[in-house]
């Protein structure tokens, strides 16, 4: 299985790669714009996990743009902040399947991916 992880914080990207690279093929980027390009380059990606707060394009804006082009993928959000009304609405509408809290929980993410 292939996961695209997008986060503007290099430490989070490295940590995600270290934790998940033995279980999945992990592709990473540091912005929504880069994430869209990576999806074009890796159309066989099944799962997309994006940080919420990033400069330029936030995680939900990135996921909206990605879903327009790749509606079959499973999208998740990651945030270090509260799950506010905007994120709750994205879950309820089906834009994202779930929002994970930082620091991320390996078991929780794996359970969602393996469903």
PDB file of N, CA and C in Angstrom:
ATOM      1  N   UNK A   1       0.831  -1.179   0.000  1.00  0.00           N
ATOM      2  CA  UNK A   1       0.000   0.000   0.000  1.00  0.00           C
ATOM      3  C   UNK A   1       0.877   1.245   0.000  1.00  0.00           C
ATOM      4  N   UNK A   2       0.402   2.262  -0.675  1.00  0.00           N
ATOM      5  CA  UNK A   2       1.169   3.492  -0.828  1.00  0.00           C
ATOM      6  C   UNK A   2       0.440   4.646  -0.150  1.00  0.00           C
ATOM      7  N   UNK A   3       1.198   5.389   0.675  1.00  0.00           N
ATOM      8  CA  UNK A   3       0.661   6.530   1.414  1.00  0.00           C
ATOM      9  C   UNK A   3       1.404   7.793   0.995  1.00  0.00           C
ATOM     10  N   UNK A   4       0.659   8.861   0.757  1.00  0.00           N
ATOM     11  CA  UNK A   4       1.245  10.183   0.573  1.00  0.00           C
ATOM     12  C   UNK A   4       1.025  10.958   1.854  1.00  0.00           C
ATOM     13  N   UNK A   5       2.114  11.447   2.437  1.00  0.00           N
ATOM     14  CA  UNK A   5       2.036  12.247   3.664  1.00  0.00           C
ATOM     15  C   UNK A   5       2.547  13.646   3.368  1.00  0.00           C
ATOM     16  N   UNK A   6       1.738  14.653   3.669  1.00  0.00           N
ATOM     17  CA  UNK A   6       2.077  16.050   3.413  1.00  0.00           C
ATOM     18  C   UNK A   6       2.118  16.813   4.731  1.00  0.00           C
ATOM     19  N   UNK A   7       3.246  17.456   4.986  1.00  0.00           N
ATOM     20  CA  UNK A   7       3.410  18.258   6.205  1.00  0.00           C
ATOM     21  C   UNK A   7       4.538  19.246   5.956  1.00  0.00           C
ATOM     22  N   UNK A   8       4.350  20.482   6.368  1.00  0.00           N
ATOM     23  CA  UNK A   8       5.379  21.500   6.150  1.00  0.00           C
ATOM     24  C   UNK A   8       6.506  21.436   7.185  1.00  0.00           C
ATOM     25  N   UNK A   9       6.356  20.623   8.217  1.00  0.00           N
ATOM     26  CA  UNK A   9       7.397  20.496   9.239  1.00  0.00           C
ATOM     27  C   UNK A   9       8.272  19.277   8.932  1.00  0.00           C
ATOM     28  N   UNK A  10       9.538  19.532   8.603  1.00  0.00           N
ATOM     29  CA  UNK A  10      10.462  18.471   8.192  1.00  0.00           C
ATOM     30  C   UNK A  10      10.584  17.367   9.240  1.00  0.00           C
ATOM     31  N   UNK A  11      10.568  17.727  10.511  1.00  0.00           N
ATOM     32  CA  UNK A  11      10.689  16.730  11.572  1.00  0.00           C
ATOM     33  C   UNK A  11       9.518  15.742  11.544  1.00  0.00           C
ATOM     34  N   UNK A  12       8.309  16.253  11.322  1.00  0.00           N
ATOM     35  CA  UNK A  12       7.141  15.376  11.238  1.00  0.00           C
ATOM     36  C   UNK A  12       7.222  14.446  10.029  1.00  0.00           C
ATOM     37  N   UNK A  13       7.702  14.970   8.917  1.00  0.00           N
ATOM     38  CA  UNK A  13       7.855  14.160   7.710  1.00  0.00           C
ATOM     39  C   UNK A  13       8.850  13.025   7.964  1.00  0.00           C
ATOM     40  N   UNK A  14       9.991  13.351   8.568  1.00  0.00           N
ATOM     41  CA  UNK A  14      10.994  12.325   8.865  1.00  0.00           C
ATOM     42  C   UNK A  14      10.458  11.285   9.830  1.00  0.00           C
ATOM     43  N   UNK A  15       9.770  11.729  10.853  1.00  0.00           N
ATOM     44  CA  UNK A  15       9.204  10.815  11.837  1.00  0.00           C
ATOM     45  C   UNK A  15       8.178   9.883  11.194  1.00  0.00           C
ATOM     46  N   UNK A  16       7.324  10.430  10.353  1.00  0.00           N
ATOM     47  CA  UNK A  16       6.318   9.615   9.672  1.00  0.00           C
ATOM     48  C   UNK A  16       6.996   8.554   8.811  1.00  0.00           C
ATOM     49  N   UNK A  17       8.020   8.957   8.067  1.00  0.00           N
ATOM     50  CA  UNK A  17       8.746   8.006   7.218  1.00  0.00           C
ATOM     51  C   UNK A  17       9.379   6.896   8.051  1.00  0.00           C
ATOM     52  N   UNK A  18      10.031   7.259   9.119  1.00  0.00           N
ATOM     53  CA  UNK A  18      10.703   6.270   9.976  1.00  0.00           C
ATOM     54  C   UNK A  18       9.686   5.267  10.525  1.00  0.00           C
ATOM     55  N   UNK A  19       8.559   5.756  10.987  1.00  0.00           N
ATOM     56  CA  UNK A  19       7.559   4.886  11.613  1.00  0.00           C
ATOM     57  C   UNK A  19       6.863   3.978  10.604  1.00  0.00           C
ATOM     58  N   UNK A  20       6.530   4.495   9.434  1.00  0.00           N
ATOM     59  CA  UNK A  20       5.674   3.743   8.511  1.00  0.00           C
ATOM     60  C   UNK A  20       6.388   3.084   7.339  1.00  0.00           C
ATOM     61  N   UNK A  21       7.662   3.395   7.087  1.00  0.00           N
ATOM     62  CA  UNK A  21       8.312   2.875   5.880  1.00  0.00           C
ATOM     63  C   UNK A  21       8.496   1.360   5.877  1.00  0.00           C
ATOM     64  N   UNK A  22       8.490   0.715   7.040  1.00  0.00           N
ATOM     65  CA  UNK A  22       8.622  -0.739   7.062  1.00  0.00           C
ATOM     66  C   UNK A  22       7.300  -1.431   6.744  1.00  0.00           C
ATOM     67  N   UNK A  23       6.190  -0.713   6.832  1.00  0.00           N
ATOM     68  CA  UNK A  23       4.865  -1.295   6.607  1.00  0.00           C
ATOM     69  C   UNK A  23       4.241  -0.895   5.269  1.00  0.00           C
ATOM     70  N   UNK A  24       4.577   0.298   4.807  1.00  0.00           N
ATOM     71  CA  UNK A  24       3.949   0.852   3.612  1.00  0.00           C
ATOM     72  C   UNK A  24       4.999   1.560   2.756  1.00  0.00           C
ATOM     73  N   UNK A  25       4.642   1.777   1.503  1.00  0.00           N
ATOM     74  CA  UNK A  25       5.456   2.649   0.666  1.00  0.00           C
ATOM     75  C   UNK A  25       5.016   4.075   0.982  1.00  0.00           C
ATOM     76  N   UNK A  26       5.938   4.899   1.450  1.00  0.00           N
ATOM     77  CA  UNK A  26       5.607   6.241   1.904  1.00  0.00           C
ATOM     78  C   UNK A  26       6.237   7.270   0.971  1.00  0.00           C
ATOM     79  N   UNK A  27       5.407   8.172   0.486  1.00  0.00           N
ATOM     80  CA  UNK A  27       5.848   9.300  -0.330  1.00  0.00           C
ATOM     81  C   UNK A  27       5.529  10.541   0.492  1.00  0.00           C
ATOM     82  N   UNK A  28       6.431  11.495   0.510  1.00  0.00           N
ATOM     83  CA  UNK A  28       6.200  12.678   1.332  1.00  0.00           C
ATOM     84  C   UNK A  28       6.421  13.962   0.542  1.00  0.00           C
ATOM     85  N   UNK A  29       5.744  14.999   1.005  1.00  0.00           N
ATOM     86  CA  UNK A  29       5.912  16.323   0.456  1.00  0.00           C
ATOM     87  C   UNK A  29       5.696  17.339   1.550  1.00  0.00           C
ATOM     88  N   UNK A  30       6.066  18.592   1.279  1.00  0.00           N
ATOM     89  CA  UNK A  30       5.970  19.604   2.335  1.00  0.00           C
ATOM     90  C   UNK A  30       4.982  20.724   2.055  1.00  0.00           C
ATOM     91  N   UNK A  31       4.119  20.544   1.051  1.00  0.00           N
ATOM     92  CA  UNK A  31       3.091  21.553   0.781  1.00  0.00           C
ATOM     93  C   UNK A  31       1.960  20.922  -0.025  1.00  0.00           C
ATOM     94  N   UNK A  32       0.824  21.594  -0.024  1.00  0.00           N
ATOM     95  CA  UNK A  32      -0.296  21.117  -0.817  1.00  0.00           C
ATOM     96  C   UNK A  32       0.023  21.098  -2.301  1.00  0.00           C
ATOM     97  N   UNK A  33       0.722  22.106  -2.762  1.00  0.00           N
ATOM     98  CA  UNK A  33       1.104  22.170  -4.173  1.00  0.00           C
ATOM     99  C   UNK A  33       1.988  20.987  -4.541  1.00  0.00           C
ATOM    100  N   UNK A  34       2.960  20.699  -3.689  1.00  0.00           N
ATOM    101  CA  UNK A  34       3.820  19.541  -3.938  1.00  0.00           C
ATOM    102  C   UNK A  34       3.014  18.243  -3.863  1.00  0.00           C
ATOM    103  N   UNK A  35       2.064  18.169  -2.940  1.00  0.00           N
ATOM    104  CA  UNK A  35       1.214  16.986  -2.821  1.00  0.00           C
ATOM    105  C   UNK A  35       0.431  16.708  -4.091  1.00  0.00           C
ATOM    106  N   UNK A  36      -0.105  17.743  -4.716  1.00  0.00           N
ATOM    107  CA  UNK A  36      -0.843  17.563  -5.964  1.00  0.00           C
ATOM    108  C   UNK A  36       0.067  17.038  -7.065  1.00  0.00           C
ATOM    109  N   UNK A  37       1.280  17.567  -7.141  1.00  0.00           N
ATOM    110  CA  UNK A  37       2.248  17.085  -8.138  1.00  0.00           C
ATOM    111  C   UNK A  37       2.624  15.632  -7.865  1.00  0.00           C
ATOM    112  N   UNK A  38       2.793  15.282  -6.583  1.00  0.00           N
ATOM    113  CA  UNK A  38       3.159  13.906  -6.238  1.00  0.00           C
ATOM    114  C   UNK A  38       2.026  12.930  -6.572  1.00  0.00           C
ATOM    115  N   UNK A  39       0.796  13.349  -6.408  1.00  0.00           N
ATOM    116  CA  UNK A  39      -0.323  12.481  -6.793  1.00  0.00           C
ATOM    117  C   UNK A  39      -0.341  12.249  -8.301  1.00  0.00           C
ATOM    118  N   UNK A  40       0.004  13.271  -9.077  1.00  0.00           N
ATOM    119  CA  UNK A  40       0.113  13.099 -10.535  1.00  0.00           C
ATOM    120  C   UNK A  40       1.212  12.092 -10.877  1.00  0.00           C
ATOM    121  N   UNK A  41       2.318  12.152 -10.133  1.00  0.00           N
ATOM    122  CA  UNK A  41       3.451  11.254 -10.393  1.00  0.00           C
ATOM    123  C   UNK A  41       3.216   9.840  -9.864  1.00  0.00           C
ATOM    124  N   UNK A  42       2.369   9.715  -8.851  1.00  0.00           N
ATOM    125  CA  UNK A  42       2.105   8.421  -8.205  1.00  0.00           C
ATOM    126  C   UNK A  42       0.595   8.180  -8.134  1.00  0.00           C
ATOM    127  N   UNK A  43      -0.052   7.980  -9.278  1.00  0.00           N
ATOM    128  CA  UNK A  43      -1.509   7.834  -9.271  1.00  0.00           C
ATOM    129  C   UNK A  43      -1.997   6.567  -8.558  1.00  0.00           C
ATOM    130  N   UNK A  44      -1.093   5.634  -8.270  1.00  0.00           N
ATOM    131  CA  UNK A  44      -1.480   4.401  -7.579  1.00  0.00           C
ATOM    132  C   UNK A  44      -1.485   4.556  -6.057  1.00  0.00           C
ATOM    133  N   UNK A  45      -1.269   5.764  -5.560  1.00  0.00           N
ATOM    134  CA  UNK A  45      -1.340   6.039  -4.127  1.00  0.00           C
ATOM    135  C   UNK A  45      -2.770   5.801  -3.662  1.00  0.00           C
ATOM    136  N   UNK A  46      -2.922   5.031  -2.573  1.00  0.00           N
ATOM    137  CA  UNK A  46      -4.266   4.742  -2.076  1.00  0.00           C
ATOM    138  C   UNK A  46      -4.702   5.671  -0.948  1.00  0.00           C
ATOM    139  N   UNK A  47      -3.742   6.135  -0.137  1.00  0.00           N
ATOM    140  CA  UNK A  47      -4.060   6.902   1.061  1.00  0.00           C
ATOM    141  C   UNK A  47      -3.312   8.225   1.057  1.00  0.00           C
ATOM    142  N   UNK A  48      -4.007   9.283   1.472  1.00  0.00           N
ATOM    143  CA  UNK A  48      -3.410  10.612   1.560  1.00  0.00           C
ATOM    144  C   UNK A  48      -3.666  11.134   2.968  1.00  0.00           C
ATOM    145  N   UNK A  49      -2.584  11.512   3.643  1.00  0.00           N
ATOM    146  CA  UNK A  49      -2.678  12.104   4.980  1.00  0.00           C
ATOM    147  C   UNK A  49      -2.005  13.462   4.911  1.00  0.00           C
ATOM    148  N   UNK A  50      -2.725  14.493   5.302  1.00  0.00           N
ATOM    149  CA  UNK A  50      -2.183  15.850   5.227  1.00  0.00           C
ATOM    150  C   UNK A  50      -2.307  16.565   6.560  1.00  0.00           C
ATOM    151  N   UNK A  51      -1.274  17.325   6.877  1.00  0.00           N
ATOM    152  CA  UNK A  51      -1.332  18.243   8.002  1.00  0.00           C
ATOM    153  C   UNK A  51      -2.368  19.318   7.661  1.00  0.00           C
ATOM    154  N   UNK A  52      -3.002  19.864   8.668  1.00  0.00           N
ATOM    155  CA  UNK A  52      -4.003  20.906   8.442  1.00  0.00           C
ATOM    156  C   UNK A  52      -3.364  22.263   8.203  1.00  0.00           C
ATOM    157  N   UNK A  53      -2.509  22.682   9.114  1.00  0.00           N
ATOM    158  CA  UNK A  53      -1.963  24.039   9.030  1.00  0.00           C
ATOM    159  C   UNK A  53      -0.631  24.042   8.288  1.00  0.00           C
ATOM    160  N   UNK A  54      -0.685  24.596   7.085  1.00  0.00           N
ATOM    161  CA  UNK A  54       0.510  24.750   6.254  1.00  0.00           C
ATOM    162  C   UNK A  54       0.406  26.097   5.552  1.00  0.00           C
ATOM    163  N   UNK A  55       1.533  26.718   5.268  1.00  0.00           N
ATOM    164  CA  UNK A  55       1.479  27.999   4.551  1.00  0.00           C
ATOM    165  C   UNK A  55       0.977  27.813   3.121  1.00  0.00           C
ATOM    166  N   UNK A  56       0.296  28.815   2.625  1.00  0.00           N
ATOM    167  CA  UNK A  56      -0.183  28.785   1.244  1.00  0.00           C
ATOM    168  C   UNK A  56      -1.508  28.070   1.096  1.00  0.00           C
ATOM    169  N   UNK A  57      -1.484  26.777   1.215  1.00  0.00           N
ATOM    170  CA  UNK A  57      -2.677  25.949   1.041  1.00  0.00           C
ATOM    171  C   UNK A  57      -2.810  25.059   2.277  1.00  0.00           C
ATOM    172  N   UNK A  58      -3.892  25.213   3.012  1.00  0.00           N
ATOM    173  CA  UNK A  58      -4.030  24.362   4.197  1.00  0.00           C
ATOM    174  C   UNK A  58      -4.427  22.940   3.784  1.00  0.00           C
ATOM    175  N   UNK A  59      -4.461  22.043   4.738  1.00  0.00           N
ATOM    176  CA  UNK A  59      -4.718  20.641   4.444  1.00  0.00           C
ATOM    177  C   UNK A  59      -6.063  20.375   3.794  1.00  0.00           C
ATOM    178  N   UNK A  60      -7.102  21.051   4.255  1.00  0.00           N
ATOM    179  CA  UNK A  60      -8.420  20.829   3.656  1.00  0.00           C
ATOM    180  C   UNK A  60      -8.483  21.363   2.229  1.00  0.00           C
ATOM    181  N   UNK A  61      -7.843  22.495   1.975  1.00  0.00           N
ATOM    182  CA  UNK A  61      -7.802  23.019   0.602  1.00  0.00           C
ATOM    183  C   UNK A  61      -7.054  22.057  -0.317  1.00  0.00           C
ATOM    184  N   UNK A  62      -5.947  21.513   0.172  1.00  0.00           N
ATOM    185  CA  UNK A  62      -5.197  20.516  -0.596  1.00  0.00           C
ATOM    186  C   UNK A  62      -6.063  19.295  -0.882  1.00  0.00           C
ATOM    187  N   UNK A  63      -6.744  18.790   0.141  1.00  0.00           N
ATOM    188  CA  UNK A  63      -7.560  17.589  -0.034  1.00  0.00           C
ATOM    189  C   UNK A  63      -8.724  17.853  -0.993  1.00  0.00           C
ATOM    190  N   UNK A  64      -9.339  19.027  -0.909  1.00  0.00           N
ATOM    191  CA  UNK A  64     -10.417  19.354  -1.856  1.00  0.00           C
ATOM    192  C   UNK A  64      -9.900  19.305  -3.299  1.00  0.00           C
ATOM    193  N   UNK A  65      -8.751  19.914  -3.533  1.00  0.00           N
ATOM    194  CA  UNK A  65      -8.164  19.921  -4.883  1.00  0.00           C
ATOM    195  C   UNK A  65      -7.782  18.507  -5.316  1.00  0.00           C
ATOM    196  N   UNK A  66      -7.215  17.727  -4.401  1.00  0.00           N
ATOM    197  CA  UNK A  66      -6.810  16.357  -4.721  1.00  0.00           C
ATOM    198  C   UNK A  66      -8.029  15.484  -5.013  1.00  0.00           C
ATOM    199  N   UNK A  67      -9.095  15.627  -4.227  1.00  0.00           N
ATOM    200  CA  UNK A  67     -10.314  14.819  -4.424  1.00  0.00           C
ATOM    201  C   UNK A  67     -10.979  15.113  -5.762  1.00  0.00           C
ATOM    202  N   UNK A  68     -10.897  16.372  -6.200  1.00  0.00           N
ATOM    203  CA  UNK A  68     -11.468  16.722  -7.509  1.00  0.00           C
ATOM    204  C   UNK A  68     -10.830  15.891  -8.614  1.00  0.00           C
ATOM    205  N   UNK A  69      -9.544  15.666  -8.480  1.00  0.00           N
ATOM    206  CA  UNK A  69      -8.800  14.937  -9.509  1.00  0.00           C
ATOM    207  C   UNK A  69      -8.721  13.432  -9.216  1.00  0.00           C
ATOM    208  N   UNK A  70      -8.677  13.063  -7.940  1.00  0.00           N
ATOM    209  CA  UNK A  70      -8.505  11.669  -7.528  1.00  0.00           C
ATOM    210  C   UNK A  70      -9.564  11.298  -6.469  1.00  0.00           C
ATOM    211  N   UNK A  71     -10.824  11.187  -6.875  1.00  0.00           N
ATOM    212  CA  UNK A  71     -11.891  10.949  -5.894  1.00  0.00           C
ATOM    213  C   UNK A  71     -11.850   9.564  -5.241  1.00  0.00           C
ATOM    214  N   UNK A  72     -11.143   8.626  -5.830  1.00  0.00           N
ATOM    215  CA  UNK A  72     -11.134   7.250  -5.316  1.00  0.00           C
ATOM    216  C   UNK A  72     -10.192   7.028  -4.138  1.00  0.00           C
ATOM    217  N   UNK A  73      -9.326   7.977  -3.865  1.00  0.00           N
ATOM    218  CA  UNK A  73      -8.360   7.813  -2.778  1.00  0.00           C
ATOM    219  C   UNK A  73      -9.011   8.068  -1.425  1.00  0.00           C
ATOM    220  N   UNK A  74      -8.384   7.555  -0.385  1.00  0.00           N
ATOM    221  CA  UNK A  74      -8.870   7.760   0.977  1.00  0.00           C
ATOM    222  C   UNK A  74      -8.064   8.904   1.599  1.00  0.00           C
ATOM    223  N   UNK A  75      -8.761   9.911   2.092  1.00  0.00           N
ATOM    224  CA  UNK A  75      -8.130  11.128   2.596  1.00  0.00           C
ATOM    225  C   UNK A  75      -8.311  11.267   4.104  1.00  0.00           C
ATOM    226  N   UNK A  76      -7.203  11.642   4.758  1.00  0.00           N
ATOM    227  CA  UNK A  76      -7.183  11.851   6.203  1.00  0.00           C
ATOM    228  C   UNK A  76      -6.478  13.164   6.494  1.00  0.00           C
ATOM    229  N   UNK A  77      -6.812  13.759   7.613  1.00  0.00           N
ATOM    230  CA  UNK A  77      -6.190  15.011   8.040  1.00  0.00           C
ATOM    231  C   UNK A  77      -5.475  14.769   9.355  1.00  0.00           C
ATOM    232  N   UNK A  78      -4.444  15.545   9.592  1.00  0.00           N
ATOM    233  CA  UNK A  78      -3.663  15.464  10.820  1.00  0.00           C
ATOM    234  C   UNK A  78      -3.541  16.882  11.364  1.00  0.00           C
ATOM    235  N   UNK A  79      -3.773  17.047  12.653  1.00  0.00           N
ATOM    236  CA  UNK A  79      -3.662  18.380  13.225  1.00  0.00           C
ATOM    237  C   UNK A  79      -3.100  18.334  14.637  1.00  0.00           C
ATOM    238  N   UNK A  80      -2.397  19.357  14.985  1.00  0.00           N
ATOM    239  CA  UNK A  80      -1.894  19.514  16.342  1.00  0.00           C
ATOM    240  C   UNK A  80      -2.813  20.400  17.166  1.00  0.00           C
ATOM    241  N   UNK A  81      -3.934  20.782  16.587  1.00  0.00           N
ATOM    242  CA  UNK A  81      -4.885  21.675  17.241  1.00  0.00           C
ATOM    243  C   UNK A  81      -6.219  20.968  17.440  1.00  0.00           C
ATOM    244  N   UNK A  82      -7.173  21.666  17.993  1.00  0.00           N
ATOM    245  CA  UNK A  82      -8.503  21.103  18.203  1.00  0.00           C
ATOM    246  C   UNK A  82      -9.164  20.790  16.866  1.00  0.00           C
ATOM    247  N   UNK A  83     -10.043  19.811  16.903  1.00  0.00           N
ATOM    248  CA  UNK A  83     -10.850  19.501  15.726  1.00  0.00           C
ATOM    249  C   UNK A  83     -12.045  20.441  15.767  1.00  0.00           C
ATOM    250  N   UNK A  84     -11.922  21.541  15.059  1.00  0.00           N
ATOM    251  CA  UNK A  84     -12.937  22.587  15.061  1.00  0.00           C
ATOM    252  C   UNK A  84     -14.056  22.311  14.075  1.00  0.00           C
ATOM    253  N   UNK A  85     -14.968  23.276  13.936  1.00  0.00           N
ATOM    254  CA  UNK A  85     -16.135  23.107  13.059  1.00  0.00           C
ATOM    255  C   UNK A  85     -15.773  22.823  11.598  1.00  0.00           C
ATOM    256  N   UNK A  86     -14.725  23.457  11.095  1.00  0.00           N
ATOM    257  CA  UNK A  86     -14.339  23.244   9.689  1.00  0.00           C
ATOM    258  C   UNK A  86     -13.920  21.791   9.457  1.00  0.00           C
ATOM    259  N   UNK A  87     -13.133  21.251  10.371  1.00  0.00           N
ATOM    260  CA  UNK A  87     -12.688  19.860  10.244  1.00  0.00           C
ATOM    261  C   UNK A  87     -13.854  18.905  10.480  1.00  0.00           C
ATOM    262  N   UNK A  88     -14.683  19.196  11.477  1.00  0.00           N
ATOM    263  CA  UNK A  88     -15.849  18.353  11.750  1.00  0.00           C
ATOM    264  C   UNK A  88     -16.766  18.298  10.538  1.00  0.00           C
ATOM    265  N   UNK A  89     -16.956  19.423   9.892  1.00  0.00           N
ATOM    266  CA  UNK A  89     -17.782  19.482   8.693  1.00  0.00           C
ATOM    267  C   UNK A  89     -17.166  18.638   7.566  1.00  0.00           C
ATOM    268  N   UNK A  90     -15.846  18.666   7.449  1.00  0.00           N
ATOM    269  CA  UNK A  90     -15.157  17.873   6.417  1.00  0.00           C
ATOM    270  C   UNK A  90     -15.341  16.378   6.661  1.00  0.00           C
ATOM    271  N   UNK A  91     -15.378  15.976   7.922  1.00  0.00           N
ATOM    272  CA  UNK A  91     -15.617  14.564   8.257  1.00  0.00           C
ATOM    273  C   UNK A  91     -17.065  14.198   7.929  1.00  0.00           C
ATOM    274  N   UNK A  92     -17.986  15.025   8.375  1.00  0.00           N
ATOM    275  CA  UNK A  92     -19.415  14.751   8.169  1.00  0.00           C
ATOM    276  C   UNK A  92     -19.796  14.718   6.689  1.00  0.00           C
ATOM    277  N   UNK A  93     -19.153  15.544   5.879  1.00  0.00           N
ATOM    278  CA  UNK A  93     -19.460  15.584   4.444  1.00  0.00           C
ATOM    279  C   UNK A  93     -18.758  14.475   3.666  1.00  0.00           C
ATOM    280  N   UNK A  94     -17.806  13.777   4.315  1.00  0.00           N
ATOM    281  CA  UNK A  94     -17.068  12.717   3.634  1.00  0.00           C
ATOM    282  C   UNK A  94     -15.837  13.199   2.894  1.00  0.00           C
ATOM    283  N   UNK A  95     -15.509  14.481   3.020  1.00  0.00           N
ATOM    284  CA  UNK A  95     -14.293  14.989   2.380  1.00  0.00           C
ATOM    285  C   UNK A  95     -13.076  14.239   2.915  1.00  0.00           C
ATOM    286  N   UNK A  96     -13.046  14.058   4.230  1.00  0.00           N
ATOM    287  CA  UNK A  96     -11.997  13.253   4.857  1.00  0.00           C
ATOM    288  C   UNK A  96     -12.669  12.140   5.653  1.00  0.00           C
ATOM    289  N   UNK A  97     -11.950  11.034   5.812  1.00  0.00           N
ATOM    290  CA  UNK A  97     -12.508   9.913   6.568  1.00  0.00           C
ATOM    291  C   UNK A  97     -12.325  10.094   8.061  1.00  0.00           C
ATOM    292  N   UNK A  98     -11.212  10.731   8.437  1.00  0.00           N
ATOM    293  CA  UNK A  98     -10.931  10.916   9.853  1.00  0.00           C
ATOM    294  C   UNK A  98      -9.855  11.991  10.011  1.00  0.00           C
ATOM    295  N   UNK A  99      -9.817  12.567  11.203  1.00  0.00           N
ATOM    296  CA  UNK A  99      -8.759  13.514  11.546  1.00  0.00           C
ATOM    297  C   UNK A  99      -7.969  12.936  12.705  1.00  0.00           C
ATOM    298  N   UNK A 100      -6.662  12.826  12.528  1.00  0.00           N
ATOM    299  CA  UNK A 100      -5.770  12.326  13.569  1.00  0.00           C
ATOM    300  C   UNK A 100      -5.148  13.505  14.302  1.00  0.00           C
ATOM    301  N   UNK A 101      -4.881  13.317  15.569  1.00  0.00           N
ATOM    302  CA  UNK A 101      -4.236  14.347  16.385  1.00  0.00           C
ATOM    303  C   UNK A 101      -2.720  14.130  16.391  1.00  0.00           C
ATOM    304  N   UNK A 102      -1.982  15.229  16.441  1.00  0.00           N
ATOM    305  CA  UNK A 102      -0.537  15.172  16.647  1.00  0.00           C
ATOM    306  C   UNK A 102      -0.279  15.187  18.144  1.00  0.00           C
ATOM    307  N   UNK A 103       0.714  14.520  18.640  1.00  0.00           N
ATOM    308  CA  UNK A 103       1.592  13.627  17.877  1.00  0.00           C
ATOM    309  C   UNK A 103       0.796  12.412  17.421  1.00  0.00           C
ATOM    310  N   UNK A 104       1.074  11.942  16.184  1.00  0.00           N
ATOM    311  CA  UNK A 104       0.245  10.883  15.630  1.00  0.00           C
ATOM    312  C   UNK A 104       0.435   9.561  16.359  1.00  0.00           C
ATOM    313  N   UNK A 105      -0.657   8.822  16.352  1.00  0.00           N
ATOM    314  CA  UNK A 105      -0.736   7.544  17.029  1.00  0.00           C
ATOM    315  C   UNK A 105      -0.619   6.447  15.967  1.00  0.00           C
ATOM    316  N   UNK A 106       0.473   5.731  15.984  1.00  0.00           N
ATOM    317  CA  UNK A 106       0.753   4.685  14.999  1.00  0.00           C
ATOM    318  C   UNK A 106      -0.403   3.690  14.891  1.00  0.00           C
ATOM    319  N   UNK A 107      -0.874   3.230  16.017  1.00  0.00           N
ATOM    320  CA  UNK A 107      -1.930   2.214  16.036  1.00  0.00           C
ATOM    321  C   UNK A 107      -3.220   2.736  15.393  1.00  0.00           C
ATOM    322  N   UNK A 108      -3.591   3.960  15.721  1.00  0.00           N
ATOM    323  CA  UNK A 108      -4.816   4.553  15.195  1.00  0.00           C
ATOM    324  C   UNK A 108      -4.739   4.706  13.671  1.00  0.00           C
ATOM    325  N   UNK A 109      -3.621   5.192  13.181  1.00  0.00           N
ATOM    326  CA  UNK A 109      -3.468   5.375  11.735  1.00  0.00           C
ATOM    327  C   UNK A 109      -3.478   4.026  11.026  1.00  0.00           C
ATOM    328  N   UNK A 110      -2.742   3.051  11.567  1.00  0.00           N
ATOM    329  CA  UNK A 110      -2.713   1.721  10.959  1.00  0.00           C
ATOM    330  C   UNK A 110      -4.094   1.069  10.917  1.00  0.00           C
ATOM    331  N   UNK A 111      -4.864   1.212  11.977  1.00  0.00           N
ATOM    332  CA  UNK A 111      -6.203   0.636  12.008  1.00  0.00           C
ATOM    333  C   UNK A 111      -7.073   1.217  10.896  1.00  0.00           C
ATOM    334  N   UNK A 112      -6.977   2.514  10.673  1.00  0.00           N
ATOM    335  CA  UNK A 112      -7.764   3.159   9.616  1.00  0.00           C
ATOM    336  C   UNK A 112      -7.318   2.704   8.229  1.00  0.00           C
ATOM    337  N   UNK A 113      -6.027   2.624   8.035  1.00  0.00           N
ATOM    338  CA  UNK A 113      -5.498   2.211   6.725  1.00  0.00           C
ATOM    339  C   UNK A 113      -5.831   0.754   6.430  1.00  0.00           C
ATOM    340  N   UNK A 114      -5.778  -0.091   7.432  1.00  0.00           N
ATOM    341  CA  UNK A 114      -5.985  -1.521   7.217  1.00  0.00           C
ATOM    342  C   UNK A 114      -7.447  -1.940   7.147  1.00  0.00           C
ATOM    343  N   UNK A 115      -8.378  -1.003   7.342  1.00  0.00           N
ATOM    344  CA  UNK A 115      -9.813  -1.338   7.253  1.00  0.00           C
ATOM    345  C   UNK A 115     -10.184  -1.733   5.847  1.00  0.00           C
TER     346      UNK A 115
END
